[in-house]
Amino acid sequence: MLKPLGDRVIIEVKEEEEKSVGGIVLTAASKEKSQTGVVVAVGDGRTLDNGTKLPVSVEINQTVMFEKYTGQDVKFDGKEYLIVHEKDIIAIVE
């Protein structure tokens, strides 16, 4: 199990299959990485200068959108994840 530190969040990025107008499925190499995913783990929050802990505002199993070129791609137990700082999450999808 992965446990992010501080204000980091681990996201399982959604795979989006893209098709051209003619119905041809594009290969993974020709499409961009999705900007949405499901939160699978959250850190305990950011520590402010005065020592107060500010908890992360997203929760496990929420679908979120994140900035395009952000985070660190990691592989763990055969799955791929993205680790981002909370500030790189731009929206919660409801």
PDB file of N, CA and C in Angstrom:
ATOM      1  N   MET A   1       0.841  -1.180   0.000  1.00  0.00           N
ATOM      2  CA  MET A   1       0.000   0.000   0.000  1.00  0.00           C
ATOM      3  C   MET A   1       0.885   1.243   0.000  1.00  0.00           C
ATOM      4  N   LEU A   2       0.500   2.223  -0.781  1.00  0.00           N
ATOM      5  CA  LEU A   2       1.218   3.490  -0.829  1.00  0.00           C
ATOM      6  C   LEU A   2       0.543   4.488   0.100  1.00  0.00           C
ATOM      7  N   LYS A   3       1.321   5.220   0.875  1.00  0.00           N
ATOM      8  CA  LYS A   3       0.805   6.256   1.768  1.00  0.00           C
ATOM      9  C   LYS A   3       1.532   7.545   1.438  1.00  0.00           C
ATOM     10  N   PRO A   4       0.835   8.514   0.830  1.00  0.00           N
ATOM     11  CA  PRO A   4       1.498   9.774   0.481  1.00  0.00           C
ATOM     12  C   PRO A   4       1.823  10.598   1.719  1.00  0.00           C
ATOM     13  N   LEU A   5       2.859  11.400   1.623  1.00  0.00           N
ATOM     14  CA  LEU A   5       3.282  12.257   2.728  1.00  0.00           C
ATOM     15  C   LEU A   5       2.790  13.678   2.527  1.00  0.00           C
ATOM     16  N   GLY A   6       2.579  14.372   3.620  1.00  0.00           N
ATOM     17  CA  GLY A   6       2.202  15.783   3.572  1.00  0.00           C
ATOM     18  C   GLY A   6       0.901  16.018   2.829  1.00  0.00           C
ATOM     19  N   ASP A   7       0.932  16.983   1.907  1.00  0.00           N
ATOM     20  CA  ASP A   7      -0.283  17.345   1.168  1.00  0.00           C
ATOM     21  C   ASP A   7      -0.354  16.645  -0.190  1.00  0.00           C
ATOM     22  N   ARG A   8       0.330  15.513  -0.304  1.00  0.00           N
ATOM     23  CA  ARG A   8       0.304  14.777  -1.575  1.00  0.00           C
ATOM     24  C   ARG A   8      -0.920  13.871  -1.654  1.00  0.00           C
ATOM     25  N   VAL A   9      -1.338  13.628  -2.902  1.00  0.00           N
ATOM     26  CA  VAL A   9      -2.511  12.807  -3.185  1.00  0.00           C
ATOM     27  C   VAL A   9      -2.118  11.806  -4.259  1.00  0.00           C
ATOM     28  N   ILE A  10      -2.523  10.543  -4.104  1.00  0.00           N
ATOM     29  CA  ILE A  10      -2.260   9.525  -5.121  1.00  0.00           C
ATOM     30  C   ILE A  10      -3.543   9.325  -5.919  1.00  0.00           C
ATOM     31  N   ILE A  11      -3.397   9.422  -7.246  1.00  0.00           N
ATOM     32  CA  ILE A  11      -4.536   9.350  -8.150  1.00  0.00           C
ATOM     33  C   ILE A  11      -4.336   8.203  -9.128  1.00  0.00           C
ATOM     34  N   GLU A  12      -5.389   7.413  -9.338  1.00  0.00           N
ATOM     35  CA  GLU A  12      -5.391   6.418 -10.403  1.00  0.00           C
ATOM     36  C   GLU A  12      -6.004   7.112 -11.613  1.00  0.00           C
ATOM     37  N   VAL A  13      -5.165   7.389 -12.608  1.00  0.00           N
ATOM     38  CA  VAL A  13      -5.587   8.160 -13.769  1.00  0.00           C
ATOM     39  C   VAL A  13      -6.522   7.319 -14.634  1.00  0.00           C
ATOM     40  N   LYS A  14      -7.618   7.946 -15.067  1.00  0.00           N
ATOM     41  CA  LYS A  14      -8.580   7.251 -15.926  1.00  0.00           C
ATOM     42  C   LYS A  14      -8.004   7.098 -17.324  1.00  0.00           C
ATOM     43  N   GLU A  15      -8.146   5.903 -17.873  1.00  0.00           N
ATOM     44  CA  GLU A  15      -7.750   5.650 -19.252  1.00  0.00           C
ATOM     45  C   GLU A  15      -8.905   6.057 -20.141  1.00  0.00           C
ATOM     46  N   GLU A  16      -8.636   6.931 -21.080  1.00  0.00           N
ATOM     47  CA  GLU A  16      -9.681   7.379 -21.987  1.00  0.00           C
ATOM     48  C   GLU A  16      -9.367   6.888 -23.386  1.00  0.00           C
ATOM     49  N   GLU A  17     -10.273   6.106 -23.929  1.00  0.00           N
ATOM     50  CA  GLU A  17     -10.100   5.624 -25.293  1.00  0.00           C
ATOM     51  C   GLU A  17     -10.591   6.703 -26.235  1.00  0.00           C
ATOM     52  N   GLU A  18      -9.750   7.074 -27.163  1.00  0.00           N
ATOM     53  CA  GLU A  18     -10.133   8.101 -28.119  1.00  0.00           C
ATOM     54  C   GLU A  18     -10.314   7.485 -29.491  1.00  0.00           C
ATOM     55  N   LYS A  19     -11.335   7.976 -30.170  1.00  0.00           N
ATOM     56  CA  LYS A  19     -11.596   7.518 -31.526  1.00  0.00           C
ATOM     57  C   LYS A  19     -11.599   8.715 -32.452  1.00  0.00           C
ATOM     58  N   SER A  20     -11.130   8.490 -33.664  1.00  0.00           N
ATOM     59  CA  SER A  20     -11.180   9.537 -34.665  1.00  0.00           C
ATOM     60  C   SER A  20     -12.604   9.630 -35.207  1.00  0.00           C
ATOM     61  N   VAL A  21     -12.854  10.623 -36.041  1.00  0.00           N
ATOM     62  CA  VAL A  21     -14.181  10.804 -36.626  1.00  0.00           C
ATOM     63  C   VAL A  21     -14.598   9.554 -37.401  1.00  0.00           C
ATOM     64  N   GLY A  22     -13.659   8.876 -38.030  1.00  0.00           N
ATOM     65  CA  GLY A  22     -13.958   7.672 -38.803  1.00  0.00           C
ATOM     66  C   GLY A  22     -14.110   6.425 -37.944  1.00  0.00           C
ATOM     67  N   GLY A  23     -13.964   6.547 -36.619  1.00  0.00           N
ATOM     68  CA  GLY A  23     -14.149   5.416 -35.733  1.00  0.00           C
ATOM     69  C   GLY A  23     -12.891   4.612 -35.468  1.00  0.00           C
ATOM     70  N   ILE A  24     -11.746   5.107 -35.891  1.00  0.00           N
ATOM     71  CA  ILE A  24     -10.481   4.411 -35.666  1.00  0.00           C
ATOM     72  C   ILE A  24     -10.005   4.705 -34.249  1.00  0.00           C
ATOM     73  N   VAL A  25      -9.677   3.664 -33.489  1.00  0.00           N
ATOM     74  CA  VAL A  25      -9.172   3.839 -32.128  1.00  0.00           C
ATOM     75  C   VAL A  25      -7.720   4.279 -32.206  1.00  0.00           C
ATOM     76  N   LEU A  26      -7.411   5.373 -31.519  1.00  0.00           N
ATOM     77  CA  LEU A  26      -6.051   5.898 -31.516  1.00  0.00           C
ATOM     78  C   LEU A  26      -5.191   5.130 -30.530  1.00  0.00           C
ATOM     79  N   THR A  27      -3.924   4.962 -30.832  1.00  0.00           N
ATOM     80  CA  THR A  27      -3.020   4.257 -29.933  1.00  0.00           C
ATOM     81  C   THR A  27      -2.653   5.150 -28.756  1.00  0.00           C
ATOM     82  N   ALA A  28      -2.169   4.532 -27.703  1.00  0.00           N
ATOM     83  CA  ALA A  28      -1.790   5.272 -26.497  1.00  0.00           C
ATOM     84  C   ALA A  28      -0.708   6.299 -26.794  1.00  0.00           C
ATOM     85  N   ALA A  29       0.175   6.001 -27.725  1.00  0.00           N
ATOM     86  CA  ALA A  29       1.266   6.912 -28.038  1.00  0.00           C
ATOM     87  C   ALA A  29       0.772   8.174 -28.735  1.00  0.00           C
ATOM     88  N   SER A  30      -0.382   8.101 -29.390  1.00  0.00           N
ATOM     89  CA  SER A  30      -0.856   9.252 -30.153  1.00  0.00           C
ATOM     90  C   SER A  30      -1.834  10.123 -29.387  1.00  0.00           C
ATOM     91  N   LYS A  31      -2.198   9.745 -28.181  1.00  0.00           N
ATOM     92  CA  LYS A  31      -3.137  10.561 -27.418  1.00  0.00           C
ATOM     93  C   LYS A  31      -2.480  11.098 -26.154  1.00  0.00           C
ATOM     94  N   GLU A  32      -3.076  12.168 -25.642  1.00  0.00           N
ATOM     95  CA  GLU A  32      -2.546  12.779 -24.429  1.00  0.00           C
ATOM     96  C   GLU A  32      -3.090  12.068 -23.198  1.00  0.00           C
ATOM     97  N   LYS A  33      -2.360  12.199 -22.104  1.00  0.00           N
ATOM     98  CA  LYS A  33      -2.773  11.605 -20.832  1.00  0.00           C
ATOM     99  C   LYS A  33      -4.031  12.318 -20.331  1.00  0.00           C
ATOM    100  N   SER A  34      -4.943  11.552 -19.764  1.00  0.00           N
ATOM    101  CA  SER A  34      -6.171  12.105 -19.194  1.00  0.00           C
ATOM    102  C   SER A  34      -5.832  13.045 -18.046  1.00  0.00           C
ATOM    103  N   GLN A  35      -6.700  14.007 -17.807  1.00  0.00           N
ATOM    104  CA  GLN A  35      -6.521  14.933 -16.695  1.00  0.00           C
ATOM    105  C   GLN A  35      -7.516  14.654 -15.575  1.00  0.00           C
ATOM    106  N   THR A  36      -8.138  13.470 -15.592  1.00  0.00           N
ATOM    107  CA  THR A  36      -9.048  13.096 -14.522  1.00  0.00           C
ATOM    108  C   THR A  36      -8.642  11.749 -13.952  1.00  0.00           C
ATOM    109  N   GLY A  37      -9.005  11.524 -12.709  1.00  0.00           N
ATOM    110  CA  GLY A  37      -8.694  10.258 -12.073  1.00  0.00           C
ATOM    111  C   GLY A  37      -9.403  10.143 -10.739  1.00  0.00           C
ATOM    112  N   VAL A  38      -9.225   8.990 -10.110  1.00  0.00           N
ATOM    113  CA  VAL A  38      -9.865   8.708  -8.825  1.00  0.00           C
ATOM    114  C   VAL A  38      -8.803   8.726  -7.734  1.00  0.00           C
ATOM    115  N   VAL A  39      -9.094   9.423  -6.655  1.00  0.00           N
ATOM    116  CA  VAL A  39      -8.177   9.512  -5.518  1.00  0.00           C
ATOM    117  C   VAL A  39      -8.147   8.162  -4.816  1.00  0.00           C
ATOM    118  N   VAL A  40      -6.949   7.590  -4.648  1.00  0.00           N
ATOM    119  CA  VAL A  40      -6.818   6.302  -3.968  1.00  0.00           C
ATOM    120  C   VAL A  40      -6.151   6.433  -2.596  1.00  0.00           C
ATOM    121  N   ALA A  41      -5.475   7.552  -2.336  1.00  0.00           N
ATOM    122  CA  ALA A  41      -4.852   7.780  -1.026  1.00  0.00           C
ATOM    123  C   ALA A  41      -4.548   9.267  -0.871  1.00  0.00           C
ATOM    124  N   VAL A  42      -4.597   9.743   0.365  1.00  0.00           N
ATOM    125  CA  VAL A  42      -4.258  11.138   0.657  1.00  0.00           C
ATOM    126  C   VAL A  42      -3.306  11.193   1.835  1.00  0.00           C
ATOM    127  N   GLY A  43      -2.441  12.197   1.814  1.00  0.00           N
ATOM    128  CA  GLY A  43      -1.533  12.416   2.928  1.00  0.00           C
ATOM    129  C   GLY A  43      -2.270  13.048   4.101  1.00  0.00           C
ATOM    130  N   ASP A  44      -1.560  13.282   5.188  1.00  0.00           N
ATOM    131  CA  ASP A  44      -2.218  13.834   6.381  1.00  0.00           C
ATOM    132  C   ASP A  44      -2.317  15.353   6.361  1.00  0.00           C
ATOM    133  N   GLY A  45      -1.808  16.011   5.337  1.00  0.00           N
ATOM    134  CA  GLY A  45      -1.972  17.453   5.193  1.00  0.00           C
ATOM    135  C   GLY A  45      -0.666  18.211   5.261  1.00  0.00           C
ATOM    136  N   ARG A  46      -0.789  19.497   5.026  1.00  0.00           N
ATOM    137  CA  ARG A  46       0.366  20.390   5.011  1.00  0.00           C
ATOM    138  C   ARG A  46       0.527  21.029   6.384  1.00  0.00           C
ATOM    139  N   THR A  47       1.760  21.132   6.845  1.00  0.00           N
ATOM    140  CA  THR A  47       2.042  21.779   8.120  1.00  0.00           C
ATOM    141  C   THR A  47       2.356  23.248   7.854  1.00  0.00           C
ATOM    142  N   LEU A  48       1.583  24.127   8.471  1.00  0.00           N
ATOM    143  CA  LEU A  48       1.789  25.565   8.313  1.00  0.00           C
ATOM    144  C   LEU A  48       2.987  26.017   9.137  1.00  0.00           C
ATOM    145  N   ASP A  49       3.441  27.235   8.881  1.00  0.00           N
ATOM    146  CA  ASP A  49       4.606  27.779   9.594  1.00  0.00           C
ATOM    147  C   ASP A  49       4.418  27.798  11.112  1.00  0.00           C
ATOM    148  N   ASN A  50       3.172  27.955  11.566  1.00  0.00           N
ATOM    149  CA  ASN A  50       2.925  28.007  13.008  1.00  0.00           C
ATOM    150  C   ASN A  50       2.754  26.624  13.626  1.00  0.00           C
ATOM    151  N   GLY A  51       2.947  25.559  12.836  1.00  0.00           N
ATOM    152  CA  GLY A  51       2.861  24.198  13.338  1.00  0.00           C
ATOM    153  C   GLY A  51       1.497  23.550  13.201  1.00  0.00           C
ATOM    154  N   THR A  52       0.494  24.310  12.780  1.00  0.00           N
ATOM    155  CA  THR A  52      -0.855  23.782  12.604  1.00  0.00           C
ATOM    156  C   THR A  52      -0.902  22.891  11.357  1.00  0.00           C
ATOM    157  N   LYS A  53      -1.607  21.788  11.455  1.00  0.00           N
ATOM    158  CA  LYS A  53      -1.753  20.859  10.325  1.00  0.00           C
ATOM    159  C   LYS A  53      -3.017  21.220   9.553  1.00  0.00           C
ATOM    160  N   LEU A  54      -2.891  21.502   8.256  1.00  0.00           N
ATOM    161  CA  LEU A  54      -4.013  21.807   7.382  1.00  0.00           C
ATOM    162  C   LEU A  54      -4.354  20.550   6.592  1.00  0.00           C
ATOM    163  N   PRO A  55      -5.499  19.898   6.872  1.00  0.00           N
ATOM    164  CA  PRO A  55      -5.822  18.630   6.216  1.00  0.00           C
ATOM    165  C   PRO A  55      -6.067  18.799   4.721  1.00  0.00           C
ATOM    166  N   VAL A  56      -5.879  17.724   3.982  1.00  0.00           N
ATOM    167  CA  VAL A  56      -6.122  17.713   2.542  1.00  0.00           C
ATOM    168  C   VAL A  56      -7.632  17.774   2.312  1.00  0.00           C
ATOM    169  N   SER A  57      -8.061  18.536   1.303  1.00  0.00           N
ATOM    170  CA  SER A  57      -9.495  18.777   1.103  1.00  0.00           C
ATOM    171  C   SER A  57     -10.179  17.777   0.165  1.00  0.00           C
ATOM    172  N   VAL A  58      -9.451  16.789  -0.347  1.00  0.00           N
ATOM    173  CA  VAL A  58     -10.085  15.751  -1.162  1.00  0.00           C
ATOM    174  C   VAL A  58     -10.085  14.440  -0.383  1.00  0.00           C
ATOM    175  N   GLU A  59     -10.992  13.538  -0.787  1.00  0.00           N
ATOM    176  CA  GLU A  59     -11.140  12.276  -0.073  1.00  0.00           C
ATOM    177  C   GLU A  59     -10.941  11.098  -1.020  1.00  0.00           C
ATOM    178  N   ILE A  60     -10.654   9.951  -0.451  1.00  0.00           N
ATOM    179  CA  ILE A  60     -10.509   8.720  -1.222  1.00  0.00           C
ATOM    180  C   ILE A  60     -11.808   8.442  -1.966  1.00  0.00           C
ATOM    181  N   ASN A  61     -11.694   7.954  -3.194  1.00  0.00           N
ATOM    182  CA  ASN A  61     -12.786   7.605  -4.103  1.00  0.00           C
ATOM    183  C   ASN A  61     -13.435   8.794  -4.796  1.00  0.00           C
ATOM    184  N   GLN A  62     -12.964  10.020  -4.554  1.00  0.00           N
ATOM    185  CA  GLN A  62     -13.484  11.157  -5.301  1.00  0.00           C
ATOM    186  C   GLN A  62     -12.807  11.198  -6.667  1.00  0.00           C
ATOM    187  N   THR A  63     -13.576  11.591  -7.686  1.00  0.00           N
ATOM    188  CA  THR A  63     -13.006  11.810  -9.011  1.00  0.00           C
ATOM    189  C   THR A  63     -12.572  13.266  -9.078  1.00  0.00           C
ATOM    190  N   VAL A  64     -11.337  13.486  -9.510  1.00  0.00           N
ATOM    191  CA  VAL A  64     -10.783  14.837  -9.544  1.00  0.00           C
ATOM    192  C   VAL A  64     -10.173  15.131 -10.909  1.00  0.00           C
ATOM    193  N   MET A  65     -10.039  16.428 -11.184  1.00  0.00           N
ATOM    194  CA  MET A  65      -9.303  16.895 -12.361  1.00  0.00           C
ATOM    195  C   MET A  65      -8.031  17.554 -11.845  1.00  0.00           C
ATOM    196  N   PHE A  66      -6.937  17.371 -12.587  1.00  0.00           N
ATOM    197  CA  PHE A  66      -5.664  17.938 -12.157  1.00  0.00           C
ATOM    198  C   PHE A  66      -4.995  18.637 -13.317  1.00  0.00           C
ATOM    199  N   GLU A  67      -4.009  19.471 -13.008  1.00  0.00           N
ATOM    200  CA  GLU A  67      -3.299  20.228 -14.033  1.00  0.00           C
ATOM    201  C   GLU A  67      -2.623  19.285 -15.018  1.00  0.00           C
ATOM    202  N   LYS A  68      -2.451  19.754 -16.227  1.00  0.00           N
ATOM    203  CA  LYS A  68      -2.008  18.913 -17.339  1.00  0.00           C
ATOM    204  C   LYS A  68      -0.632  18.283 -17.146  1.00  0.00           C
ATOM    205  N   TYR A  69       0.375  19.045 -16.878  1.00  0.00           N
ATOM    206  CA  TYR A  69       1.743  18.504 -16.796  1.00  0.00           C
ATOM    207  C   TYR A  69       2.232  18.585 -15.358  1.00  0.00           C
ATOM    208  N   THR A  70       1.669  17.765 -14.511  1.00  0.00           N
ATOM    209  CA  THR A  70       1.981  17.841 -13.089  1.00  0.00           C
ATOM    210  C   THR A  70       2.206  16.457 -12.511  1.00  0.00           C
ATOM    211  N   GLY A  71       2.803  16.420 -11.355  1.00  0.00           N
ATOM    212  CA  GLY A  71       2.909  15.178 -10.609  1.00  0.00           C
ATOM    213  C   GLY A  71       4.025  14.251 -11.036  1.00  0.00           C
ATOM    214  N   GLN A  72       4.074  13.140 -10.343  1.00  0.00           N
ATOM    215  CA  GLN A  72       5.091  12.113 -10.564  1.00  0.00           C
ATOM    216  C   GLN A  72       4.394  10.800 -10.879  1.00  0.00           C
ATOM    217  N   ASP A  73       4.668  10.236 -12.060  1.00  0.00           N
ATOM    218  CA  ASP A  73       4.117   8.935 -12.423  1.00  0.00           C
ATOM    219  C   ASP A  73       4.889   7.845 -11.687  1.00  0.00           C
ATOM    220  N   VAL A  74       4.161   6.901 -11.074  1.00  0.00           N
ATOM    221  CA  VAL A  74       4.793   5.779 -10.378  1.00  0.00           C
ATOM    222  C   VAL A  74       4.054   4.490 -10.722  1.00  0.00           C
ATOM    223  N   LYS A  75       4.777   3.374 -10.649  1.00  0.00           N
ATOM    224  CA  LYS A  75       4.187   2.052 -10.791  1.00  0.00           C
ATOM    225  C   LYS A  75       4.326   1.336  -9.467  1.00  0.00           C
ATOM    226  N   PHE A  76       3.234   0.680  -9.030  1.00  0.00           N
ATOM    227  CA  PHE A  76       3.258  -0.055  -7.772  1.00  0.00           C
ATOM    228  C   PHE A  76       2.293  -1.227  -7.905  1.00  0.00           C
ATOM    229  N   ASP A  77       2.765  -2.419  -7.615  1.00  0.00           N
ATOM    230  CA  ASP A  77       1.949  -3.639  -7.721  1.00  0.00           C
ATOM    231  C   ASP A  77       1.280  -3.779  -9.089  1.00  0.00           C
ATOM    232  N   GLY A  78       2.000  -3.422 -10.142  1.00  0.00           N
ATOM    233  CA  GLY A  78       1.487  -3.586 -11.497  1.00  0.00           C
ATOM    234  C   GLY A  78       0.504  -2.517 -11.956  1.00  0.00           C
ATOM    235  N   LYS A  79       0.240  -1.513 -11.139  1.00  0.00           N
ATOM    236  CA  LYS A  79      -0.671  -0.432 -11.515  1.00  0.00           C
ATOM    237  C   LYS A  79       0.103   0.867 -11.620  1.00  0.00           C
ATOM    238  N   GLU A  80      -0.410   1.769 -12.439  1.00  0.00           N
ATOM    239  CA  GLU A  80       0.212   3.078 -12.593  1.00  0.00           C
ATOM    240  C   GLU A  80      -0.605   4.130 -11.850  1.00  0.00           C
ATOM    241  N   TYR A  81       0.117   5.002 -11.142  1.00  0.00           N
ATOM    242  CA  TYR A  81      -0.518   6.055 -10.374  1.00  0.00           C
ATOM    243  C   TYR A  81       0.181   7.379 -10.654  1.00  0.00           C
ATOM    244  N   LEU A  82      -0.482   8.454 -10.265  1.00  0.00           N
ATOM    245  CA  LEU A  82       0.087   9.780 -10.347  1.00  0.00           C
ATOM    246  C   LEU A  82       0.067  10.363  -8.936  1.00  0.00           C
ATOM    247  N   ILE A  83       1.206  10.853  -8.474  1.00  0.00           N
ATOM    248  CA  ILE A  83       1.277  11.498  -7.161  1.00  0.00           C
ATOM    249  C   ILE A  83       1.407  12.994  -7.388  1.00  0.00           C
ATOM    250  N   VAL A  84       0.447  13.764  -6.839  1.00  0.00           N
ATOM    251  CA  VAL A  84       0.430  15.213  -7.021  1.00  0.00           C
ATOM    252  C   VAL A  84       0.306  15.899  -5.670  1.00  0.00           C
ATOM    253  N   HIS A  85       0.686  17.163  -5.628  1.00  0.00           N
ATOM    254  CA  HIS A  85       0.406  17.995  -4.459  1.00  0.00           C
ATOM    255  C   HIS A  85      -1.052  18.430  -4.554  1.00  0.00           C
ATOM    256  N   GLU A  86      -1.663  18.646  -3.422  1.00  0.00           N
ATOM    257  CA  GLU A  86      -3.072  19.055  -3.403  1.00  0.00           C
ATOM    258  C   GLU A  86      -3.302  20.298  -4.267  1.00  0.00           C
ATOM    259  N   LYS A  87      -2.361  21.216  -4.295  1.00  0.00           N
ATOM    260  CA  LYS A  87      -2.523  22.453  -5.065  1.00  0.00           C
ATOM    261  C   LYS A  87      -2.633  22.203  -6.569  1.00  0.00           C
ATOM    262  N   ASP A  88      -2.199  21.024  -7.038  1.00  0.00           N
ATOM    263  CA  ASP A  88      -2.269  20.696  -8.459  1.00  0.00           C
ATOM    264  C   ASP A  88      -3.626  20.123  -8.861  1.00  0.00           C
ATOM    265  N   ILE A  89      -4.490  19.851  -7.882  1.00  0.00           N
ATOM    266  CA  ILE A  89      -5.855  19.396  -8.172  1.00  0.00           C
ATOM    267  C   ILE A  89      -6.706  20.632  -8.393  1.00  0.00           C
ATOM    268  N   ILE A  90      -7.374  20.682  -9.550  1.00  0.00           N
ATOM    269  CA  ILE A  90      -8.096  21.898  -9.897  1.00  0.00           C
ATOM    270  C   ILE A  90      -9.617  21.790  -9.710  1.00  0.00           C
ATOM    271  N   ALA A  91     -10.143  20.559  -9.591  1.00  0.00           N
ATOM    272  CA  ALA A  91     -11.594  20.421  -9.406  1.00  0.00           C
ATOM    273  C   ALA A  91     -11.935  19.020  -8.915  1.00  0.00           C
ATOM    274  N   ILE A  92     -13.076  18.936  -8.227  1.00  0.00           N
ATOM    275  CA  ILE A  92     -13.666  17.658  -7.853  1.00  0.00           C
ATOM    276  C   ILE A  92     -14.845  17.456  -8.801  1.00  0.00           C
ATOM    277  N   VAL A  93     -14.911  16.301  -9.444  1.00  0.00           N
ATOM    278  CA  VAL A  93     -15.989  16.006 -10.381  1.00  0.00           C
ATOM    279  C   VAL A  93     -17.129  15.358  -9.610  1.00  0.00           C
ATOM    280  N   GLU A  94     -18.305  15.969  -9.657  1.00  0.00           N
ATOM    281  CA  GLU A  94     -19.463  15.418  -8.940  1.00  0.00           C
ATOM    282  C   GLU A  94     -20.491  14.873  -9.894  1.00  0.00           C
TER     283      GLU A  94
END
